[in-house]
């Protein structure tokens, strides 16, 4: 069983440990509701302009006044589905002669529904990425009743494939949760090996669908030869809404479409105007601009926190273990009072409460990582907040405040849950 640096075993299906405060996804939801109170209070006192989305995610609904009459589940698809399909196929690198498009209500819903179509009970699903599959891939395989094996990198994948029976599906992640990326040669080899044993390839291309082509000069998603894949339109150059845009071989997409409507995982068609607008405005140069702004923040943070900041080619992170260690050092504690994900949650709460900063910790329930991710920072939002140095100062001061409460059970619980 995987463990963190403190020796805590990871919770099932997650890359971090649960603790005494955050014991399950139920506690994550209670924590989120408390975070909403901070946003509500700040909006009342200072206005919504004093809340800063620095998560790297855009989850708004952007539709023009002219679209108002199309905000209808019957009218929107009738009038916009062809335009949506054409834009989506271009965005994902699809061929209209052989690929289809489906819109689901979240990236997680897209991965889940596709996995339920492509894997059966008792079959094997192999996950492969640069550092580990997202929990949604693990949970989807479990829901399908399949045996799941996670692998890191090409060599590990080759070994698992050779040793496994009844491999029906390979769930590949181009850009991992840690933001390390598989090389094009690795991707091509994984696809070839999977198809060689008769397995389908599903790509979880949540952020990779744009980062791969725009930053690493890789092909678009469906140009990789995968059978089906999906991306989220809340990530990196798109502007929302938070949906899962799925594309793949037409016959597979039609099966996924049928199951999605049976399960209720399809996106509401009234969102189509916003989806079309998001795809129409997308430019690869915007992704590169977001990365450049992120690097400004990374430089400022490294001045404060040094090698505690781990950098990848596109983002940086402050790992949960490091957040906990810094807080313990500043508090003079020798015994661990919480687990890393709880320390990260405390830091995220303080940044929101004291500075109005929305960070990626609040984006997923449960969070996909215990790290604080510094990623794809909007230059406009950063300028409005006060720049990279103020960002770094907010993190540093919030770590001080975390140290003040992390050893006090009542104060820490109040911070997380009210």
Foldseek 3Di string as FASTA:
>chain_A
DDADPVRADPDPLAPFHAWDQGHALVSLVLLLVVLVVLCVVCCVVPRNLLFFEQAQWFADQDFDPVCVVLLDLVNLCVPCVVLLFVLLCVLQVHDVVWKGKFKFAALLLVLLLLLLLQDAAAAEEEEEWQPWAFSSNVVSCVVRNHHYHYAHFQVRLVVCLVPDPRHAEYEYEQQHPQRDGDDLVRLLVNCVSCVVVPHAYEYACAAVQLCCCLPVVDDHNVVSVGAKYWYFQRHAQFNDNRIIMMMGGHVSVVSSVVVCVVVVRGHRSSSSSSSSVRSVRGDSVLNVVLQVQQVQLVVLQCVPVNPCWADDSRWIKRALVNLQVLLCVLLVHDDRLGTSLLSLSLLQLQCCNPRSYHHNCSVDSNDRHSIGIRGSGDPVSQVSSPHSNVVNVSSVVSSNVSSVPSNPVVSSSVSSND
